[in-house]
Amino acid sequence: MKDIANFQSEYLHVGRKNENWHFRDIKISESGLTSLVDISSPYISKHDKKGFHLSIFTAQEACAELLIYWVCLKAGLERKPGEAWVKEFSSKFFKPIRDFEGVRIHLNVKKSRLGVNLLVAVGSFEVVGPNGGLFTVELKGMIENYVD
């Protein structure tokens, strides 16, 4: 049997750990939000002849953080009160995003529930590069046992 290490992704095992990203220009609305994301120290794959491409994993992480942020603000909280759980998740890749600055993420909240010690939100996201590229993400997340 061949060693699996020869087939593993360098990005998943090395590059991803060094990649940093941050939000800027977050605009909140009653039905969602829009944010720009910049990736500092982007990982450039030696296998991609066109250079940088935004990873679906980075896009997924950013979407999850934005859904948590939106539902906590909706609940009137000052900070995330505890562990957040992703209940359902799906994503589609349409075209690579080659920009590592100014990536726009738009969240449309389809459903949210603020119950006793339970916050739940379902959101649809579009992740778009300023020079093209598109991912879509559907996400259902929850925070339970919070105290406001």
N, C-alpha and C. Protein backbone atom coordinates (compact mmCIF):
# COMPACT_ATOMS: atom_id res chain seq x y z
N MET A 1 0.84 -1.18 0.00
CA MET A 1 0.00 0.00 0.00
C MET A 1 0.88 1.24 0.00
N LYS A 2 0.51 2.23 -0.80
CA LYS A 2 1.29 3.46 -0.90
C LYS A 2 1.00 4.37 0.29
N ASP A 3 1.99 5.14 0.68
CA ASP A 3 1.88 6.08 1.80
C ASP A 3 0.91 7.19 1.44
N ILE A 4 -0.09 7.42 2.27
CA ILE A 4 -1.10 8.44 1.99
C ILE A 4 -0.51 9.85 1.97
N ALA A 5 0.59 10.07 2.67
CA ALA A 5 1.21 11.39 2.72
C ALA A 5 1.53 11.91 1.32
N ASN A 6 1.83 11.03 0.39
CA ASN A 6 2.14 11.43 -0.99
C ASN A 6 0.91 11.97 -1.72
N PHE A 7 -0.26 11.77 -1.17
CA PHE A 7 -1.50 12.17 -1.82
C PHE A 7 -2.24 13.27 -1.07
N GLN A 8 -1.77 13.64 0.11
CA GLN A 8 -2.46 14.62 0.93
C GLN A 8 -2.21 16.04 0.45
N SER A 9 -3.15 16.90 0.73
CA SER A 9 -3.09 18.29 0.33
C SER A 9 -2.11 19.07 1.21
N GLU A 10 -1.16 19.72 0.57
CA GLU A 10 -0.23 20.58 1.30
C GLU A 10 -0.98 21.75 1.93
N TYR A 11 -2.00 22.25 1.25
CA TYR A 11 -2.79 23.35 1.79
C TYR A 11 -3.47 22.95 3.09
N LEU A 12 -4.12 21.80 3.11
CA LEU A 12 -4.85 21.38 4.31
C LEU A 12 -3.93 21.10 5.49
N HIS A 13 -2.74 20.62 5.22
CA HIS A 13 -1.84 20.23 6.30
C HIS A 13 -0.82 21.29 6.70
N VAL A 14 -0.54 22.23 5.80
CA VAL A 14 0.48 23.23 6.10
C VAL A 14 -0.04 24.65 5.83
N GLY A 15 -0.42 24.91 4.61
CA GLY A 15 -0.77 26.26 4.18
C GLY A 15 -1.91 26.89 4.95
N ARG A 16 -2.92 26.14 5.23
CA ARG A 16 -4.11 26.64 5.91
C ARG A 16 -3.79 27.15 7.31
N LYS A 17 -2.83 26.52 7.95
CA LYS A 17 -2.46 26.91 9.32
C LYS A 17 -1.78 28.27 9.36
N ASN A 18 -1.21 28.69 8.23
CA ASN A 18 -0.50 29.97 8.17
C ASN A 18 -1.34 31.08 7.55
N GLU A 19 -2.49 30.73 7.02
CA GLU A 19 -3.35 31.71 6.34
C GLU A 19 -4.17 32.46 7.38
N ASN A 20 -4.19 33.78 7.27
CA ASN A 20 -4.99 34.62 8.16
C ASN A 20 -5.95 35.44 7.32
N TRP A 21 -7.11 35.72 7.89
CA TRP A 21 -8.08 36.57 7.20
C TRP A 21 -8.83 37.41 8.21
N HIS A 22 -9.38 38.51 7.74
CA HIS A 22 -10.14 39.39 8.63
C HIS A 22 -11.25 40.09 7.85
N PHE A 23 -12.27 40.50 8.60
CA PHE A 23 -13.42 41.20 8.02
C PHE A 23 -13.18 42.70 8.06
N ARG A 24 -13.80 43.38 7.11
CA ARG A 24 -13.85 44.84 7.14
C ARG A 24 -15.13 45.29 6.46
N ASP A 25 -15.53 46.49 6.77
CA ASP A 25 -16.71 47.10 6.14
C ASP A 25 -17.96 46.23 6.25
N ILE A 26 -18.28 45.79 7.46
CA ILE A 26 -19.49 44.98 7.66
C ILE A 26 -20.69 45.92 7.73
N LYS A 27 -21.68 45.65 6.89
CA LYS A 27 -22.92 46.42 6.88
C LYS A 27 -24.07 45.48 7.25
N ILE A 28 -24.73 45.80 8.36
CA ILE A 28 -25.79 44.96 8.92
C ILE A 28 -27.15 45.44 8.43
N SER A 29 -28.04 44.49 8.17
CA SER A 29 -29.44 44.83 7.88
C SER A 29 -30.33 43.87 8.67
N GLU A 30 -31.60 44.12 8.63
CA GLU A 30 -32.56 43.27 9.34
C GLU A 30 -32.56 41.85 8.76
N SER A 31 -32.24 41.73 7.47
CA SER A 31 -32.32 40.42 6.82
C SER A 31 -30.96 39.80 6.53
N GLY A 32 -29.88 40.40 7.04
CA GLY A 32 -28.56 39.81 6.79
C GLY A 32 -27.45 40.82 6.94
N LEU A 33 -26.42 40.66 6.13
CA LEU A 33 -25.29 41.57 6.16
C LEU A 33 -24.45 41.40 4.91
N THR A 34 -23.56 42.37 4.71
CA THR A 34 -22.55 42.29 3.66
C THR A 34 -21.22 42.68 4.29
N SER A 35 -20.18 41.95 3.93
CA SER A 35 -18.85 42.22 4.48
C SER A 35 -17.79 42.02 3.41
N LEU A 36 -16.69 42.69 3.58
CA LEU A 36 -15.51 42.42 2.77
C LEU A 36 -14.54 41.62 3.63
N VAL A 37 -13.82 40.72 2.98
CA VAL A 37 -12.83 39.88 3.66
C VAL A 37 -11.50 40.04 2.94
N ASP A 38 -10.45 40.20 3.73
CA ASP A 38 -9.09 40.24 3.20
C ASP A 38 -8.33 39.06 3.76
N ILE A 39 -7.55 38.41 2.92
CA ILE A 39 -6.73 37.29 3.36
C ILE A 39 -5.29 37.78 3.42
N SER A 40 -4.74 37.85 4.63
CA SER A 40 -3.33 38.21 4.78
C SER A 40 -2.55 36.91 4.79
N SER A 41 -1.34 36.95 4.38
CA SER A 41 -0.48 35.77 4.23
C SER A 41 -1.23 34.64 3.51
N PRO A 42 -1.72 34.90 2.28
CA PRO A 42 -2.44 33.87 1.54
C PRO A 42 -1.52 32.72 1.15
N TYR A 43 -2.08 31.54 1.11
CA TYR A 43 -1.33 30.36 0.67
C TYR A 43 -1.43 30.27 -0.86
N ILE A 44 -0.29 30.16 -1.51
CA ILE A 44 -0.26 30.04 -2.97
C ILE A 44 0.16 28.60 -3.29
N SER A 45 -0.74 27.88 -3.91
CA SER A 45 -0.48 26.48 -4.24
C SER A 45 0.54 26.37 -5.37
N LYS A 46 1.49 25.47 -5.20
CA LYS A 46 2.45 25.24 -6.28
C LYS A 46 1.82 24.44 -7.42
N HIS A 47 0.62 23.91 -7.19
CA HIS A 47 -0.07 23.12 -8.22
C HIS A 47 -1.02 23.97 -9.06
N ASP A 48 -1.33 25.18 -8.61
CA ASP A 48 -2.24 26.05 -9.35
C ASP A 48 -1.40 27.03 -10.17
N LYS A 49 -1.36 26.83 -11.47
CA LYS A 49 -0.50 27.64 -12.34
C LYS A 49 -0.92 29.11 -12.40
N LYS A 50 -2.15 29.42 -11.97
CA LYS A 50 -2.61 30.81 -11.98
C LYS A 50 -2.38 31.50 -10.64
N GLY A 51 -1.77 30.82 -9.68
CA GLY A 51 -1.45 31.45 -8.40
C GLY A 51 -2.51 31.22 -7.35
N PHE A 52 -2.82 32.27 -6.61
CA PHE A 52 -3.75 32.18 -5.49
C PHE A 52 -5.17 31.86 -5.94
N HIS A 53 -5.84 31.03 -5.18
CA HIS A 53 -7.29 30.88 -5.28
C HIS A 53 -7.84 30.72 -3.87
N LEU A 54 -8.97 31.38 -3.63
CA LEU A 54 -9.60 31.29 -2.32
C LEU A 54 -10.09 29.87 -2.10
N SER A 55 -9.76 29.33 -0.96
CA SER A 55 -10.18 27.98 -0.60
C SER A 55 -11.64 27.97 -0.18
N ILE A 56 -12.35 26.94 -0.54
CA ILE A 56 -13.74 26.78 -0.08
C ILE A 56 -13.77 26.70 1.44
N PHE A 57 -12.73 26.18 2.05
CA PHE A 57 -12.69 26.06 3.51
C PHE A 57 -12.60 27.44 4.18
N THR A 58 -11.80 28.32 3.61
CA THR A 58 -11.71 29.68 4.13
C THR A 58 -13.05 30.38 3.97
N ALA A 59 -13.69 30.21 2.82
CA ALA A 59 -15.01 30.82 2.59
C ALA A 59 -16.03 30.28 3.59
N GLN A 60 -16.01 28.98 3.84
CA GLN A 60 -16.94 28.38 4.80
C GLN A 60 -16.74 28.93 6.21
N GLU A 61 -15.49 29.05 6.63
CA GLU A 61 -15.19 29.58 7.96
C GLU A 61 -15.70 31.01 8.09
N ALA A 62 -15.45 31.83 7.07
CA ALA A 62 -15.88 33.22 7.11
C ALA A 62 -17.41 33.31 7.18
N CYS A 63 -18.10 32.49 6.40
CA CYS A 63 -19.56 32.49 6.42
C CYS A 63 -20.10 32.09 7.79
N ALA A 64 -19.52 31.07 8.40
CA ALA A 64 -19.96 30.64 9.73
C ALA A 64 -19.77 31.76 10.75
N GLU A 65 -18.62 32.44 10.71
CA GLU A 65 -18.37 33.54 11.64
C GLU A 65 -19.39 34.67 11.46
N LEU A 66 -19.72 34.97 10.21
CA LEU A 66 -20.67 36.05 9.95
C LEU A 66 -22.09 35.70 10.40
N LEU A 67 -22.48 34.44 10.25
CA LEU A 67 -23.81 34.03 10.73
C LEU A 67 -23.88 34.12 12.25
N ILE A 68 -22.83 33.71 12.93
CA ILE A 68 -22.76 33.82 14.39
C ILE A 68 -22.86 35.29 14.80
N TYR A 69 -22.11 36.13 14.14
CA TYR A 69 -22.11 37.56 14.44
C TYR A 69 -23.52 38.14 14.28
N TRP A 70 -24.17 37.84 13.15
CA TRP A 70 -25.49 38.40 12.89
C TRP A 70 -26.51 37.95 13.94
N VAL A 71 -26.56 36.66 14.25
CA VAL A 71 -27.58 36.16 15.19
C VAL A 71 -27.32 36.67 16.60
N CYS A 72 -26.07 36.83 16.98
CA CYS A 72 -25.77 37.38 18.31
C CYS A 72 -26.18 38.85 18.40
N LEU A 73 -25.93 39.62 17.34
CA LEU A 73 -26.38 41.01 17.33
C LEU A 73 -27.90 41.08 17.39
N LYS A 74 -28.57 40.23 16.63
CA LYS A 74 -30.04 40.20 16.63
C LYS A 74 -30.58 39.92 18.04
N ALA A 75 -29.86 39.09 18.79
CA ALA A 75 -30.28 38.76 20.16
C ALA A 75 -29.88 39.84 21.17
N GLY A 76 -29.17 40.87 20.70
CA GLY A 76 -28.76 41.95 21.60
C GLY A 76 -27.57 41.62 22.46
N LEU A 77 -26.77 40.65 22.05
CA LEU A 77 -25.62 40.23 22.85
C LEU A 77 -24.40 41.09 22.54
N GLU A 78 -23.51 41.22 23.51
CA GLU A 78 -22.27 41.99 23.36
C GLU A 78 -21.12 41.13 22.83
N ARG A 79 -21.24 39.81 22.99
CA ARG A 79 -20.20 38.87 22.53
C ARG A 79 -20.82 37.50 22.35
N LYS A 80 -20.11 36.65 21.68
CA LYS A 80 -20.58 35.27 21.51
C LYS A 80 -20.62 34.62 22.89
N PRO A 81 -21.77 34.09 23.28
CA PRO A 81 -21.93 33.61 24.66
C PRO A 81 -21.41 32.20 24.92
N GLY A 82 -21.09 31.47 23.92
CA GLY A 82 -20.65 30.09 24.12
C GLY A 82 -20.32 29.45 22.79
N GLU A 83 -20.27 28.16 22.79
CA GLU A 83 -19.92 27.42 21.58
C GLU A 83 -21.05 27.50 20.56
N ALA A 84 -20.69 27.72 19.32
CA ALA A 84 -21.65 27.72 18.22
C ALA A 84 -21.52 26.40 17.47
N TRP A 85 -22.64 25.89 17.01
CA TRP A 85 -22.67 24.60 16.33
C TRP A 85 -23.21 24.75 14.93
N VAL A 86 -22.51 24.21 13.97
CA VAL A 86 -23.03 24.14 12.61
C VAL A 86 -23.90 22.89 12.53
N LYS A 87 -25.17 23.09 12.23
CA LYS A 87 -26.12 21.96 12.16
C LYS A 87 -26.20 21.39 10.75
N GLU A 88 -26.21 22.25 9.75
CA GLU A 88 -26.28 21.83 8.35
C GLU A 88 -25.41 22.75 7.53
N PHE A 89 -24.82 22.19 6.47
CA PHE A 89 -23.90 22.99 5.68
C PHE A 89 -23.83 22.44 4.27
N SER A 90 -23.88 23.32 3.29
CA SER A 90 -23.61 22.90 1.90
C SER A 90 -22.99 24.09 1.17
N SER A 91 -22.17 23.78 0.20
CA SER A 91 -21.55 24.84 -0.58
C SER A 91 -21.41 24.40 -2.02
N LYS A 92 -21.38 25.38 -2.91
CA LYS A 92 -21.18 25.12 -4.33
C LYS A 92 -20.10 26.05 -4.84
N PHE A 93 -19.25 25.48 -5.65
CA PHE A 93 -18.17 26.21 -6.29
C PHE A 93 -18.58 26.44 -7.74
N PHE A 94 -18.55 27.70 -8.18
CA PHE A 94 -18.90 28.01 -9.57
C PHE A 94 -17.69 28.42 -10.38
N LYS A 95 -16.87 29.29 -9.81
CA LYS A 95 -15.68 29.79 -10.51
C LYS A 95 -14.69 30.24 -9.45
N PRO A 96 -13.38 29.98 -9.64
CA PRO A 96 -12.41 30.34 -8.61
C PRO A 96 -12.37 31.84 -8.34
N ILE A 97 -12.18 32.16 -7.07
CA ILE A 97 -11.95 33.54 -6.65
C ILE A 97 -10.44 33.68 -6.50
N ARG A 98 -9.85 34.55 -7.28
CA ARG A 98 -8.39 34.69 -7.31
C ARG A 98 -7.90 35.90 -6.54
N ASP A 99 -8.80 36.65 -5.95
CA ASP A 99 -8.44 37.84 -5.18
C ASP A 99 -8.25 37.47 -3.72
N PHE A 100 -7.28 38.10 -3.06
CA PHE A 100 -7.15 37.88 -1.63
C PHE A 100 -7.45 39.14 -0.84
N GLU A 101 -7.94 40.16 -1.51
CA GLU A 101 -8.42 41.36 -0.83
C GLU A 101 -9.76 41.76 -1.43
N GLY A 102 -10.64 42.26 -0.59
CA GLY A 102 -11.92 42.77 -1.06
C GLY A 102 -12.91 41.72 -1.52
N VAL A 103 -12.81 40.52 -0.99
CA VAL A 103 -13.78 39.46 -1.32
C VAL A 103 -15.08 39.81 -0.60
N ARG A 104 -16.17 39.89 -1.34
CA ARG A 104 -17.46 40.29 -0.76
C ARG A 104 -18.25 39.05 -0.37
N ILE A 105 -18.74 39.07 0.87
CA ILE A 105 -19.64 38.01 1.34
C ILE A 105 -20.97 38.66 1.68
N HIS A 106 -22.02 38.18 1.04
CA HIS A 106 -23.36 38.68 1.32
C HIS A 106 -24.16 37.56 1.98
N LEU A 107 -24.74 37.85 3.13
CA LEU A 107 -25.58 36.91 3.88
C LEU A 107 -27.03 37.35 3.78
N ASN A 108 -27.88 36.45 3.37
CA ASN A 108 -29.33 36.64 3.43
C ASN A 108 -29.86 35.62 4.43
N VAL A 109 -30.37 36.12 5.57
CA VAL A 109 -30.90 35.23 6.60
C VAL A 109 -32.29 34.79 6.19
N LYS A 110 -32.45 33.49 5.99
CA LYS A 110 -33.73 32.94 5.56
C LYS A 110 -34.66 32.70 6.73
N LYS A 111 -34.07 32.40 7.90
CA LYS A 111 -34.87 32.10 9.08
C LYS A 111 -34.00 32.29 10.31
N SER A 112 -34.59 32.83 11.37
CA SER A 112 -33.87 32.91 12.64
C SER A 112 -34.86 32.73 13.77
N ARG A 113 -34.36 32.17 14.85
CA ARG A 113 -35.20 31.95 16.03
C ARG A 113 -34.37 32.29 17.26
N LEU A 114 -34.93 33.16 18.07
CA LEU A 114 -34.30 33.54 19.32
C LEU A 114 -35.19 33.01 20.42
N GLY A 115 -34.85 31.84 20.94
CA GLY A 115 -35.67 31.21 21.97
C GLY A 115 -35.00 31.28 23.32
N VAL A 116 -35.60 30.61 24.28
CA VAL A 116 -35.04 30.54 25.62
C VAL A 116 -33.75 29.72 25.55
N ASN A 117 -32.63 30.38 25.78
CA ASN A 117 -31.31 29.74 25.75
C ASN A 117 -30.97 29.07 24.43
N LEU A 118 -31.55 29.55 23.33
CA LEU A 118 -31.26 28.96 22.02
C LEU A 118 -31.34 30.03 20.94
N LEU A 119 -30.27 30.16 20.17
CA LEU A 119 -30.25 31.03 19.00
C LEU A 119 -30.05 30.13 17.79
N VAL A 120 -30.89 30.29 16.78
CA VAL A 120 -30.78 29.50 15.56
C VAL A 120 -30.90 30.44 14.38
N ALA A 121 -30.09 30.22 13.35
CA ALA A 121 -30.20 31.01 12.13
C ALA A 121 -29.87 30.13 10.93
N VAL A 122 -30.58 30.39 9.85
CA VAL A 122 -30.34 29.72 8.57
C VAL A 122 -30.03 30.81 7.56
N GLY A 123 -28.90 30.69 6.90
CA GLY A 123 -28.50 31.73 5.96
C GLY A 123 -28.02 31.21 4.63
N SER A 124 -28.23 32.04 3.61
CA SER A 124 -27.68 31.80 2.28
C SER A 124 -26.61 32.85 2.03
N PHE A 125 -25.48 32.42 1.53
CA PHE A 125 -24.36 33.32 1.29
C PHE A 125 -23.95 33.29 -0.17
N GLU A 126 -23.49 34.44 -0.65
CA GLU A 126 -22.76 34.53 -1.90
C GLU A 126 -21.38 35.08 -1.57
N VAL A 127 -20.36 34.41 -2.05
CA VAL A 127 -18.98 34.84 -1.86
C VAL A 127 -18.45 35.17 -3.25
N VAL A 128 -18.06 36.45 -3.45
CA VAL A 128 -17.72 36.94 -4.79
C VAL A 128 -16.40 37.71 -4.74
N GLY A 129 -15.52 37.40 -5.66
CA GLY A 129 -14.27 38.14 -5.78
C GLY A 129 -14.48 39.43 -6.54
N PRO A 130 -13.70 40.48 -6.25
CA PRO A 130 -13.86 41.74 -6.97
C PRO A 130 -13.55 41.62 -8.46
N ASN A 131 -12.78 40.62 -8.85
CA ASN A 131 -12.47 40.39 -10.25
C ASN A 131 -13.11 39.12 -10.79
N GLY A 132 -14.17 38.67 -10.13
CA GLY A 132 -14.87 37.48 -10.58
C GLY A 132 -14.69 36.32 -9.62
N GLY A 133 -15.39 35.26 -9.91
CA GLY A 133 -15.38 34.08 -9.07
C GLY A 133 -16.59 34.07 -8.17
N LEU A 134 -17.08 32.87 -7.84
CA LEU A 134 -18.30 32.75 -7.04
C LEU A 134 -18.37 31.42 -6.31
N PHE A 135 -18.70 31.50 -5.03
CA PHE A 135 -19.12 30.35 -4.22
C PHE A 135 -20.48 30.70 -3.65
N THR A 136 -21.31 29.69 -3.44
CA THR A 136 -22.52 29.89 -2.65
C THR A 136 -22.46 28.92 -1.47
N VAL A 137 -23.03 29.36 -0.36
CA VAL A 137 -23.00 28.57 0.87
C VAL A 137 -24.38 28.64 1.52
N GLU A 138 -24.87 27.51 1.99
CA GLU A 138 -26.09 27.42 2.80
C GLU A 138 -25.66 26.90 4.16
N LEU A 139 -26.12 27.56 5.22
CA LEU A 139 -25.63 27.22 6.55
C LEU A 139 -26.74 27.37 7.58
N LYS A 140 -26.86 26.37 8.44
CA LYS A 140 -27.74 26.46 9.60
C LYS A 140 -26.87 26.28 10.83
N GLY A 141 -26.95 27.27 11.73
CA GLY A 141 -26.12 27.21 12.92
C GLY A 141 -26.94 27.53 14.16
N MET A 142 -26.39 27.16 15.30
CA MET A 142 -27.10 27.44 16.55
C MET A 142 -26.11 27.65 17.69
N ILE A 143 -26.58 28.40 18.67
CA ILE A 143 -25.86 28.56 19.93
C ILE A 143 -26.88 28.22 21.00
N GLU A 144 -26.55 27.26 21.85
CA GLU A 144 -27.50 26.87 22.89
C GLU A 144 -26.95 27.20 24.26
N ASN A 145 -27.87 27.24 25.22
CA ASN A 145 -27.54 27.50 26.63
C ASN A 145 -26.84 28.83 26.84
N TYR A 146 -27.27 29.83 26.11
CA TYR A 146 -26.69 31.16 26.33
C TYR A 146 -27.52 31.91 27.36
N VAL A 147 -26.89 32.86 27.99
CA VAL A 147 -27.59 33.72 28.95
C VAL A 147 -27.40 35.14 28.45
N ASP A 148 -28.51 35.83 28.23
CA ASP A 148 -28.38 37.20 27.74
C ASP A 148 -28.36 38.18 28.88
